[in-house]
């Protein structure tokens, strides 16, 4: 029974991986990198702003 469960899980994971890897384009990767960079910069500036607003002097 456990062997059957491992085969099912590996089949699902392998199928999902193979179906997504062929559908990802270079433009999707570049877009993801750019959006992650924008998100990191915005997060940094918001945390700096909140730190200035809520620190006691």
C-alpha atoms as a PDB file:
ATOM      1  CA  UNK A   1       0.000   0.000   0.000  1.00  0.00           C
ATOM      2  CA  UNK A   2       2.795   2.448   0.872  1.00  0.00           C
ATOM      3  CA  UNK A   3       4.603   1.664  -2.369  1.00  0.00           C
ATOM      4  CA  UNK A   4       1.482   2.524  -4.333  1.00  0.00           C
ATOM      5  CA  UNK A   5       1.204   5.832  -2.475  1.00  0.00           C
ATOM      6  CA  UNK A   6       4.816   6.744  -3.298  1.00  0.00           C
ATOM      7  CA  UNK A   7       4.254   5.950  -6.973  1.00  0.00           C
ATOM      8  CA  UNK A   8       1.126   8.086  -7.027  1.00  0.00           C
ATOM      9  CA  UNK A   9       2.857  11.021  -5.370  1.00  0.00           C
ATOM     10  CA  UNK A  10       5.892  10.818  -7.639  1.00  0.00           C
ATOM     11  CA  UNK A  11       3.614  10.608 -10.675  1.00  0.00           C
ATOM     12  CA  UNK A  12       1.701  13.707  -9.616  1.00  0.00           C
ATOM     13  CA  UNK A  13       4.860  15.680  -8.826  1.00  0.00           C
ATOM     14  CA  UNK A  14       6.618  14.568 -11.996  1.00  0.00           C
ATOM     15  CA  UNK A  15       3.612  15.326 -14.176  1.00  0.00           C
ATOM     16  CA  UNK A  16       3.142  18.740 -12.641  1.00  0.00           C
ATOM     17  CA  UNK A  17       6.840  19.556 -13.050  1.00  0.00           C
ATOM     18  CA  UNK A  18       6.986  18.442 -16.675  1.00  0.00           C
ATOM     19  CA  UNK A  19       3.768  20.211 -17.629  1.00  0.00           C
ATOM     20  CA  UNK A  20       4.900  23.520 -16.142  1.00  0.00           C
ATOM     21  CA  UNK A  21       8.526  23.483 -17.281  1.00  0.00           C
ATOM     22  CA  UNK A  22       7.540  23.422 -20.952  1.00  0.00           C
ATOM     23  CA  UNK A  23       5.056  26.279 -20.545  1.00  0.00           C
ATOM     24  CA  UNK A  24       7.429  28.748 -18.876  1.00  0.00           C
ATOM     25  CA  UNK A  25       8.885  31.229 -21.339  1.00  0.00           C
ATOM     26  CA  UNK A  26      11.880  33.528 -21.031  1.00  0.00           C
ATOM     27  CA  UNK A  27       9.526  36.518 -20.793  1.00  0.00           C
ATOM     28  CA  UNK A  28       7.808  34.939 -17.774  1.00  0.00           C
ATOM     29  CA  UNK A  29      11.160  34.533 -16.022  1.00  0.00           C
ATOM     30  CA  UNK A  30      12.210  38.120 -16.755  1.00  0.00           C
ATOM     31  CA  UNK A  31       8.828  39.439 -15.601  1.00  0.00           C
ATOM     32  CA  UNK A  32       9.098  37.458 -12.363  1.00  0.00           C
ATOM     33  CA  UNK A  33      12.608  38.773 -11.687  1.00  0.00           C
ATOM     34  CA  UNK A  34      11.526  42.368 -12.306  1.00  0.00           C
ATOM     35  CA  UNK A  35       8.440  42.048 -10.103  1.00  0.00           C
ATOM     36  CA  UNK A  36      10.485  40.455  -7.307  1.00  0.00           C
ATOM     37  CA  UNK A  37      12.960  43.332  -7.487  1.00  0.00           C
ATOM     38  CA  UNK A  38      10.191  45.934  -7.368  1.00  0.00           C
ATOM     39  CA  UNK A  39       8.584  44.126  -4.440  1.00  0.00           C
ATOM     40  CA  UNK A  40      11.879  44.016  -2.530  1.00  0.00           C
ATOM     41  CA  UNK A  41      12.537  47.724  -3.078  1.00  0.00           C
ATOM     42  CA  UNK A  42       9.011  48.730  -2.043  1.00  0.00           C
ATOM     43  CA  UNK A  43       9.186  46.488   1.023  1.00  0.00           C
ATOM     44  CA  UNK A  44      12.522  48.017   2.039  1.00  0.00           C
ATOM     45  CA  UNK A  45      11.264  51.591   1.756  1.00  0.00           C
ATOM     46  CA  UNK A  46       8.007  50.844   3.577  1.00  0.00           C
ATOM     47  CA  UNK A  47       9.902  49.202   6.438  1.00  0.00           C
ATOM     48  CA  UNK A  48      12.244  52.219   6.637  1.00  0.00           C
ATOM     49  CA  UNK A  49       9.268  54.578   6.672  1.00  0.00           C
ATOM     50  CA  UNK A  50       7.483  52.591   9.379  1.00  0.00           C
ATOM     51  CA  UNK A  51      10.648  52.425  11.463  1.00  0.00           C
ATOM     52  CA  UNK A  52      10.944  56.238  11.301  1.00  0.00           C
ATOM     53  CA  UNK A  53       7.306  56.717  12.202  1.00  0.00           C
ATOM     54  CA  UNK A  54       7.239  54.373  15.192  1.00  0.00           C
ATOM     55  CA  UNK A  55      10.648  54.724  16.827  1.00  0.00           C
ATOM     56  CA  UNK A  56      10.787  56.723  20.013  1.00  0.00           C
ATOM     57  CA  UNK A  57      13.289  59.533  20.077  1.00  0.00           C
END
